[in-house]
Amino acid sequence: MRTSFGNQGYITEAVEAITNYAVHELQANRIEIRCDGRNARSSRIAERLGFTLEGILRNEKCDSDGSLRDTVVFSKVRGVEF
């Protein structure tokens, strides 16, 4: 997202709409959000929308500079969160 449009809730609104569509229209049983371990803003969006932190996949992805990065996994599961 363009930095000048940050902190206005657009991404939170979009993730909420996609989640609702997946649950109500596609009858999804599980929704996941995965983000880089250093991306605190994405983690906060998942938390704000009621996703549960499932865990951290340590050294799961290779960055462009060759370093390993963690992946944070959040989820919502039918019958529990929605």
PDB file of N, CA and C in Angstrom:
ATOM      1  N   MET A   1       0.844  -1.171   0.000  1.00  0.00           N
ATOM      2  CA  MET A   1       0.000   0.000   0.000  1.00  0.00           C
ATOM      3  C   MET A   1       0.892   1.238   0.000  1.00  0.00           C
ATOM      4  N   ARG A   2       0.468   2.233  -0.695  1.00  0.00           N
ATOM      5  CA  ARG A   2       1.221   3.472  -0.751  1.00  0.00           C
ATOM      6  C   ARG A   2       1.268   4.116   0.634  1.00  0.00           C
ATOM      7  N   THR A   3       2.447   4.536   1.064  1.00  0.00           N
ATOM      8  CA  THR A   3       2.660   5.087   2.401  1.00  0.00           C
ATOM      9  C   THR A   3       1.749   6.274   2.699  1.00  0.00           C
ATOM     10  N   SER A   4       1.497   7.098   1.702  1.00  0.00           N
ATOM     11  CA  SER A   4       0.674   8.292   1.932  1.00  0.00           C
ATOM     12  C   SER A   4      -0.775   7.945   2.277  1.00  0.00           C
ATOM     13  N   PHE A   5      -1.199   6.718   2.024  1.00  0.00           N
ATOM     14  CA  PHE A   5      -2.560   6.297   2.355  1.00  0.00           C
ATOM     15  C   PHE A   5      -2.610   5.449   3.624  1.00  0.00           C
ATOM     16  N   GLY A   6      -1.483   5.323   4.307  1.00  0.00           N
ATOM     17  CA  GLY A   6      -1.418   4.512   5.519  1.00  0.00           C
ATOM     18  C   GLY A   6      -2.187   5.121   6.675  1.00  0.00           C
ATOM     19  N   ASN A   7      -2.473   4.295   7.675  1.00  0.00           N
ATOM     20  CA  ASN A   7      -3.147   4.722   8.911  1.00  0.00           C
ATOM     21  C   ASN A   7      -4.543   5.288   8.685  1.00  0.00           C
ATOM     22  N   GLN A   8      -5.204   4.845   7.621  1.00  0.00           N
ATOM     23  CA  GLN A   8      -6.571   5.296   7.371  1.00  0.00           C
ATOM     24  C   GLN A   8      -7.565   4.147   7.442  1.00  0.00           C
ATOM     25  N   GLY A   9      -7.070   2.942   7.748  1.00  0.00           N
ATOM     26  CA  GLY A   9      -7.955   1.799   7.923  1.00  0.00           C
ATOM     27  C   GLY A   9      -8.334   1.063   6.661  1.00  0.00           C
ATOM     28  N   TYR A  10      -7.741   1.420   5.525  1.00  0.00           N
ATOM     29  CA  TYR A  10      -8.116   0.784   4.265  1.00  0.00           C
ATOM     30  C   TYR A  10      -7.791  -0.711   4.246  1.00  0.00           C
ATOM     31  N   ILE A  11      -6.612  -1.078   4.713  1.00  0.00           N
ATOM     32  CA  ILE A  11      -6.221  -2.482   4.694  1.00  0.00           C
ATOM     33  C   ILE A  11      -7.063  -3.281   5.684  1.00  0.00           C
ATOM     34  N   THR A  12      -7.305  -2.736   6.854  1.00  0.00           N
ATOM     35  CA  THR A  12      -8.164  -3.414   7.833  1.00  0.00           C
ATOM     36  C   THR A  12      -9.544  -3.652   7.246  1.00  0.00           C
ATOM     37  N   GLU A  13     -10.089  -2.640   6.596  1.00  0.00           N
ATOM     38  CA  GLU A  13     -11.413  -2.760   5.971  1.00  0.00           C
ATOM     39  C   GLU A  13     -11.402  -3.820   4.868  1.00  0.00           C
ATOM     40  N   ALA A  14     -10.355  -3.833   4.064  1.00  0.00           N
ATOM     41  CA  ALA A  14     -10.260  -4.802   2.971  1.00  0.00           C
ATOM     42  C   ALA A  14     -10.138  -6.230   3.504  1.00  0.00           C
ATOM     43  N   VAL A  15      -9.306  -6.435   4.516  1.00  0.00           N
ATOM     44  CA  VAL A  15      -9.135  -7.774   5.093  1.00  0.00           C
ATOM     45  C   VAL A  15     -10.437  -8.241   5.732  1.00  0.00           C
ATOM     46  N   GLU A  16     -11.128  -7.352   6.393  1.00  0.00           N
ATOM     47  CA  GLU A  16     -12.418  -7.703   7.001  1.00  0.00           C
ATOM     48  C   GLU A  16     -13.437  -8.105   5.928  1.00  0.00           C
ATOM     49  N   ALA A  17     -13.480  -7.363   4.822  1.00  0.00           N
ATOM     50  CA  ALA A  17     -14.415  -7.673   3.744  1.00  0.00           C
ATOM     51  C   ALA A  17     -14.087  -9.017   3.090  1.00  0.00           C
ATOM     52  N   ILE A  18     -12.819  -9.270   2.846  1.00  0.00           N
ATOM     53  CA  ILE A  18     -12.405 -10.542   2.254  1.00  0.00           C
ATOM     54  C   ILE A  18     -12.724 -11.699   3.200  1.00  0.00           C
ATOM     55  N   THR A  19     -12.488 -11.499   4.482  1.00  0.00           N
ATOM     56  CA  THR A  19     -12.791 -12.539   5.481  1.00  0.00           C
ATOM     57  C   THR A  19     -14.288 -12.828   5.503  1.00  0.00           C
ATOM     58  N   ASN A  20     -15.108 -11.794   5.536  1.00  0.00           N
ATOM     59  CA  ASN A  20     -16.559 -11.987   5.538  1.00  0.00           C
ATOM     60  C   ASN A  20     -17.037 -12.693   4.277  1.00  0.00           C
ATOM     61  N   TYR A  21     -16.472 -12.339   3.133  1.00  0.00           N
ATOM     62  CA  TYR A  21     -16.834 -12.997   1.883  1.00  0.00           C
ATOM     63  C   TYR A  21     -16.475 -14.482   1.936  1.00  0.00           C
ATOM     64  N   ALA A  22     -15.278 -14.786   2.400  1.00  0.00           N
ATOM     65  CA  ALA A  22     -14.834 -16.180   2.475  1.00  0.00           C
ATOM     66  C   ALA A  22     -15.714 -17.005   3.410  1.00  0.00           C
ATOM     67  N   VAL A  23     -16.114 -16.408   4.523  1.00  0.00           N
ATOM     68  CA  VAL A  23     -16.933 -17.123   5.508  1.00  0.00           C
ATOM     69  C   VAL A  23     -18.359 -17.300   5.009  1.00  0.00           C
ATOM     70  N   HIS A  24     -18.983 -16.227   4.555  1.00  0.00           N
ATOM     71  CA  HIS A  24     -20.410 -16.258   4.233  1.00  0.00           C
ATOM     72  C   HIS A  24     -20.720 -16.753   2.820  1.00  0.00           C
ATOM     73  N   GLU A  25     -19.892 -16.404   1.858  1.00  0.00           N
ATOM     74  CA  GLU A  25     -20.167 -16.784   0.475  1.00  0.00           C
ATOM     75  C   GLU A  25     -19.478 -18.091   0.071  1.00  0.00           C
ATOM     76  N   LEU A  26     -18.258 -18.285   0.546  1.00  0.00           N
ATOM     77  CA  LEU A  26     -17.499 -19.469   0.159  1.00  0.00           C
ATOM     78  C   LEU A  26     -17.570 -20.584   1.203  1.00  0.00           C
ATOM     79  N   GLN A  27     -18.208 -20.290   2.339  1.00  0.00           N
ATOM     80  CA  GLN A  27     -18.344 -21.266   3.425  1.00  0.00           C
ATOM     81  C   GLN A  27     -16.987 -21.788   3.907  1.00  0.00           C
ATOM     82  N   ALA A  28     -16.000 -20.903   3.987  1.00  0.00           N
ATOM     83  CA  ALA A  28     -14.662 -21.287   4.442  1.00  0.00           C
ATOM     84  C   ALA A  28     -14.712 -21.774   5.883  1.00  0.00           C
ATOM     85  N   ASN A  29     -13.958 -22.801   6.175  1.00  0.00           N
ATOM     86  CA  ASN A  29     -13.854 -23.324   7.530  1.00  0.00           C
ATOM     87  C   ASN A  29     -12.684 -22.724   8.287  1.00  0.00           C
ATOM     88  N   ARG A  30     -11.728 -22.203   7.542  1.00  0.00           N
ATOM     89  CA  ARG A  30     -10.525 -21.651   8.159  1.00  0.00           C
ATOM     90  C   ARG A  30     -10.002 -20.513   7.298  1.00  0.00           C
ATOM     91  N   ILE A  31      -9.621 -19.430   7.955  1.00  0.00           N
ATOM     92  CA  ILE A  31      -9.011 -18.276   7.292  1.00  0.00           C
ATOM     93  C   ILE A  31      -7.657 -18.063   7.951  1.00  0.00           C
ATOM     94  N   GLU A  32      -6.628 -17.865   7.157  1.00  0.00           N
ATOM     95  CA  GLU A  32      -5.286 -17.615   7.683  1.00  0.00           C
ATOM     96  C   GLU A  32      -4.745 -16.291   7.190  1.00  0.00           C
ATOM     97  N   ILE A  33      -3.999 -15.648   8.058  1.00  0.00           N
ATOM     98  CA  ILE A  33      -3.191 -14.492   7.677  1.00  0.00           C
ATOM     99  C   ILE A  33      -1.762 -14.853   8.043  1.00  0.00           C
ATOM    100  N   ARG A  34      -0.880 -14.745   7.078  1.00  0.00           N
ATOM    101  CA  ARG A  34       0.543 -14.975   7.317  1.00  0.00           C
ATOM    102  C   ARG A  34       1.282 -13.696   6.978  1.00  0.00           C
ATOM    103  N   CYS A  35       2.191 -13.304   7.850  1.00  0.00           N
ATOM    104  CA  CYS A  35       2.966 -12.096   7.580  1.00  0.00           C
ATOM    105  C   CYS A  35       4.387 -12.260   8.103  1.00  0.00           C
ATOM    106  N   ASP A  36       5.257 -11.438   7.586  1.00  0.00           N
ATOM    107  CA  ASP A  36       6.646 -11.445   8.013  1.00  0.00           C
ATOM    108  C   ASP A  36       6.719 -11.108   9.500  1.00  0.00           C
ATOM    109  N   GLY A  37       7.598 -11.768  10.207  1.00  0.00           N
ATOM    110  CA  GLY A  37       7.745 -11.540  11.644  1.00  0.00           C
ATOM    111  C   GLY A  37       8.107 -10.117  12.017  1.00  0.00           C
ATOM    112  N   ARG A  38       8.691  -9.379  11.092  1.00  0.00           N
ATOM    113  CA  ARG A  38       9.066  -7.982  11.370  1.00  0.00           C
ATOM    114  C   ARG A  38       7.968  -6.989  10.996  1.00  0.00           C
ATOM    115  N   ASN A  39       6.865  -7.484  10.439  1.00  0.00           N
ATOM    116  CA  ASN A  39       5.795  -6.600   9.977  1.00  0.00           C
ATOM    117  C   ASN A  39       4.736  -6.439  11.076  1.00  0.00           C
ATOM    118  N   ALA A  40       5.030  -5.580  12.020  1.00  0.00           N
ATOM    119  CA  ALA A  40       4.142  -5.368  13.171  1.00  0.00           C
ATOM    120  C   ALA A  40       2.786  -4.806  12.753  1.00  0.00           C
ATOM    121  N   ARG A  41       2.739  -4.007  11.717  1.00  0.00           N
ATOM    122  CA  ARG A  41       1.462  -3.415  11.288  1.00  0.00           C
ATOM    123  C   ARG A  41       0.496  -4.494  10.796  1.00  0.00           C
ATOM    124  N   SER A  42       0.997  -5.457  10.039  1.00  0.00           N
ATOM    125  CA  SER A  42       0.135  -6.545   9.573  1.00  0.00           C
ATOM    126  C   SER A  42      -0.333  -7.412  10.743  1.00  0.00           C
ATOM    127  N   SER A  43       0.541  -7.656  11.687  1.00  0.00           N
ATOM    128  CA  SER A  43       0.154  -8.420  12.877  1.00  0.00           C
ATOM    129  C   SER A  43      -0.952  -7.711  13.642  1.00  0.00           C
ATOM    130  N   ARG A  44      -0.849  -6.403  13.771  1.00  0.00           N
ATOM    131  CA  ARG A  44      -1.876  -5.641  14.486  1.00  0.00           C
ATOM    132  C   ARG A  44      -3.226  -5.701  13.782  1.00  0.00           C
ATOM    133  N   ILE A  45      -3.221  -5.722  12.457  1.00  0.00           N
ATOM    134  CA  ILE A  45      -4.478  -5.840  11.712  1.00  0.00           C
ATOM    135  C   ILE A  45      -5.142  -7.170  12.040  1.00  0.00           C
ATOM    136  N   ALA A  46      -4.372  -8.249  12.002  1.00  0.00           N
ATOM    137  CA  ALA A  46      -4.921  -9.569  12.317  1.00  0.00           C
ATOM    138  C   ALA A  46      -5.479  -9.599  13.740  1.00  0.00           C
ATOM    139  N   GLU A  47      -4.758  -9.049  14.678  1.00  0.00           N
ATOM    140  CA  GLU A  47      -5.216  -9.019  16.067  1.00  0.00           C
ATOM    141  C   GLU A  47      -6.480  -8.172  16.207  1.00  0.00           C
ATOM    142  N   ARG A  48      -6.513  -7.016  15.553  1.00  0.00           N
ATOM    143  CA  ARG A  48      -7.657  -6.115  15.616  1.00  0.00           C
ATOM    144  C   ARG A  48      -8.926  -6.788  15.090  1.00  0.00           C
ATOM    145  N   LEU A  49      -8.771  -7.658  14.095  1.00  0.00           N
ATOM    146  CA  LEU A  49      -9.920  -8.328  13.487  1.00  0.00           C
ATOM    147  C   LEU A  49     -10.263  -9.648  14.177  1.00  0.00           C
ATOM    148  N   GLY A  50      -9.623  -9.933  15.286  1.00  0.00           N
ATOM    149  CA  GLY A  50      -9.986 -11.102  16.074  1.00  0.00           C
ATOM    150  C   GLY A  50      -9.351 -12.410  15.638  1.00  0.00           C
ATOM    151  N   PHE A  51      -8.314 -12.346  14.814  1.00  0.00           N
ATOM    152  CA  PHE A  51      -7.596 -13.553  14.443  1.00  0.00           C
ATOM    153  C   PHE A  51      -6.742 -14.005  15.627  1.00  0.00           C
ATOM    154  N   THR A  52      -6.537 -15.302  15.741  1.00  0.00           N
ATOM    155  CA  THR A  52      -5.759 -15.885  16.828  1.00  0.00           C
ATOM    156  C   THR A  52      -4.341 -16.182  16.345  1.00  0.00           C
ATOM    157  N   LEU A  53      -3.365 -15.792  17.144  1.00  0.00           N
ATOM    158  CA  LEU A  53      -1.982 -16.123  16.832  1.00  0.00           C
ATOM    159  C   LEU A  53      -1.785 -17.616  17.023  1.00  0.00           C
ATOM    160  N   GLU A  54      -1.437 -18.314  15.961  1.00  0.00           N
ATOM    161  CA  GLU A  54      -1.210 -19.758  16.039  1.00  0.00           C
ATOM    162  C   GLU A  54       0.240 -20.093  16.274  1.00  0.00           C
ATOM    163  N   GLY A  55       1.119 -19.271  15.768  1.00  0.00           N
ATOM    164  CA  GLY A  55       2.532 -19.568  15.976  1.00  0.00           C
ATOM    165  C   GLY A  55       3.424 -18.798  15.045  1.00  0.00           C
ATOM    166  N   ILE A  56       4.716 -19.047  15.214  1.00  0.00           N
ATOM    167  CA  ILE A  56       5.732 -18.400  14.397  1.00  0.00           C
ATOM    168  C   ILE A  56       6.561 -19.491  13.741  1.00  0.00           C
ATOM    169  N   LEU A  57       6.628 -19.440  12.428  1.00  0.00           N
ATOM    170  CA  LEU A  57       7.457 -20.370  11.673  1.00  0.00           C
ATOM    171  C   LEU A  57       8.841 -19.742  11.566  1.00  0.00           C
ATOM    172  N   ARG A  58       9.741 -20.208  12.382  1.00  0.00           N
ATOM    173  CA  ARG A  58      11.057 -19.590  12.469  1.00  0.00           C
ATOM    174  C   ARG A  58      11.915 -19.920  11.254  1.00  0.00           C
ATOM    175  N   ASN A  59      12.612 -18.895  10.775  1.00  0.00           N
ATOM    176  CA  ASN A  59      13.522 -19.031   9.628  1.00  0.00           C
ATOM    177  C   ASN A  59      12.850 -19.716   8.441  1.00  0.00           C
ATOM    178  N   GLU A  60      11.617 -19.327   8.178  1.00  0.00           N
ATOM    179  CA  GLU A  60      10.802 -20.018   7.181  1.00  0.00           C
ATOM    180  C   GLU A  60      10.990 -19.499   5.762  1.00  0.00           C
ATOM    181  N   LYS A  61      11.303 -18.236   5.605  1.00  0.00           N
ATOM    182  CA  LYS A  61      11.435 -17.627   4.272  1.00  0.00           C
ATOM    183  C   LYS A  61      12.827 -17.023   4.103  1.00  0.00           C
ATOM    184  N   CYS A  62      13.276 -17.015   2.875  1.00  0.00           N
ATOM    185  CA  CYS A  62      14.563 -16.413   2.558  1.00  0.00           C
ATOM    186  C   CYS A  62      14.320 -15.006   2.010  1.00  0.00           C
ATOM    187  N   ASP A  63      14.954 -14.015   2.613  1.00  0.00           N
ATOM    188  CA  ASP A  63      14.828 -12.628   2.169  1.00  0.00           C
ATOM    189  C   ASP A  63      15.693 -12.413   0.923  1.00  0.00           C
ATOM    190  N   SER A  64      15.508 -11.276   0.271  1.00  0.00           N
ATOM    191  CA  SER A  64      16.261 -10.981  -0.952  1.00  0.00           C
ATOM    192  C   SER A  64      17.768 -10.893  -0.703  1.00  0.00           C
ATOM    193  N   ASP A  65      18.166 -10.589   0.540  1.00  0.00           N
ATOM    194  CA  ASP A  65      19.598 -10.521   0.857  1.00  0.00           C
ATOM    195  C   ASP A  65      20.148 -11.870   1.326  1.00  0.00           C
ATOM    196  N   GLY A  66      19.307 -12.903   1.311  1.00  0.00           N
ATOM    197  CA  GLY A  66      19.748 -14.233   1.699  1.00  0.00           C
ATOM    198  C   GLY A  66      19.509 -14.578   3.160  1.00  0.00           C
ATOM    199  N   SER A  67      19.107 -13.585   3.959  1.00  0.00           N
ATOM    200  CA  SER A  67      18.851 -13.867   5.376  1.00  0.00           C
ATOM    201  C   SER A  67      17.511 -14.588   5.531  1.00  0.00           C
ATOM    202  N   LEU A  68      17.392 -15.349   6.604  1.00  0.00           N
ATOM    203  CA  LEU A  68      16.155 -16.076   6.870  1.00  0.00           C
ATOM    204  C   LEU A  68      15.205 -15.221   7.684  1.00  0.00           C
ATOM    205  N   ARG A  69      13.918 -15.324   7.379  1.00  0.00           N
ATOM    206  CA  ARG A  69      12.891 -14.520   8.043  1.00  0.00           C
ATOM    207  C   ARG A  69      11.844 -15.423   8.658  1.00  0.00           C
ATOM    208  N   ASP A  70      11.280 -14.955   9.773  1.00  0.00           N
ATOM    209  CA  ASP A  70      10.183 -15.661  10.430  1.00  0.00           C
ATOM    210  C   ASP A  70       8.859 -15.300   9.759  1.00  0.00           C
ATOM    211  N   THR A  71       7.908 -16.232   9.811  1.00  0.00           N
ATOM    212  CA  THR A  71       6.552 -15.989   9.331  1.00  0.00           C
ATOM    213  C   THR A  71       5.599 -16.172  10.501  1.00  0.00           C
ATOM    214  N   VAL A  72       4.741 -15.178  10.736  1.00  0.00           N
ATOM    215  CA  VAL A  72       3.758 -15.233  11.813  1.00  0.00           C
ATOM    216  C   VAL A  72       2.435 -15.710  11.215  1.00  0.00           C
ATOM    217  N   VAL A  73       1.778 -16.670  11.888  1.00  0.00           N
ATOM    218  CA  VAL A  73       0.545 -17.258  11.378  1.00  0.00           C
ATOM    219  C   VAL A  73      -0.607 -16.949  12.332  1.00  0.00           C
ATOM    220  N   PHE A  74      -1.655 -16.308  11.797  1.00  0.00           N
ATOM    221  CA  PHE A  74      -2.888 -16.021  12.522  1.00  0.00           C
ATOM    222  C   PHE A  74      -4.015 -16.779  11.831  1.00  0.00           C
ATOM    223  N   SER A  75      -5.078 -17.119  12.582  1.00  0.00           N
ATOM    224  CA  SER A  75      -6.206 -17.795  11.944  1.00  0.00           C
ATOM    225  C   SER A  75      -7.520 -17.476  12.629  1.00  0.00           C
ATOM    226  N   LYS A  76      -8.586 -17.753  11.884  1.00  0.00           N
ATOM    227  CA  LYS A  76      -9.958 -17.828  12.407  1.00  0.00           C
ATOM    228  C   LYS A  76     -10.497 -19.161  11.942  1.00  0.00           C
ATOM    229  N   VAL A  77     -11.220 -19.863  12.832  1.00  0.00           N
ATOM    230  CA  VAL A  77     -11.707 -21.194  12.525  1.00  0.00           C
ATOM    231  C   VAL A  77     -13.203 -21.234  12.772  1.00  0.00           C
ATOM    232  N   ARG A  78     -13.939 -21.821  11.819  1.00  0.00           N
ATOM    233  CA  ARG A  78     -15.396 -21.941  11.945  1.00  0.00           C
ATOM    234  C   ARG A  78     -15.756 -22.672  13.245  1.00  0.00           C
ATOM    235  N   GLY A  79     -16.782 -22.170  13.919  1.00  0.00           N
ATOM    236  CA  GLY A  79     -17.234 -22.783  15.158  1.00  0.00           C
ATOM    237  C   GLY A  79     -16.533 -22.247  16.386  1.00  0.00           C
ATOM    238  N   VAL A  80     -15.410 -21.564  16.182  1.00  0.00           N
ATOM    239  CA  VAL A  80     -14.680 -20.984  17.300  1.00  0.00           C
ATOM    240  C   VAL A  80     -14.746 -19.460  17.222  1.00  0.00           C
ATOM    241  N   GLU A  81     -14.226 -18.898  16.136  1.00  0.00           N
ATOM    242  CA  GLU A  81     -14.194 -17.441  15.989  1.00  0.00           C
ATOM    243  C   GLU A  81     -15.321 -16.893  15.140  1.00  0.00           C
ATOM    244  N   PHE A  82     -15.916 -17.701  14.278  1.00  0.00           N
ATOM    245  CA  PHE A  82     -17.008 -17.205  13.449  1.00  0.00           C
ATOM    246  C   PHE A  82     -18.031 -18.287  13.228  1.00  0.00           C
TER     247      PHE A  82
END
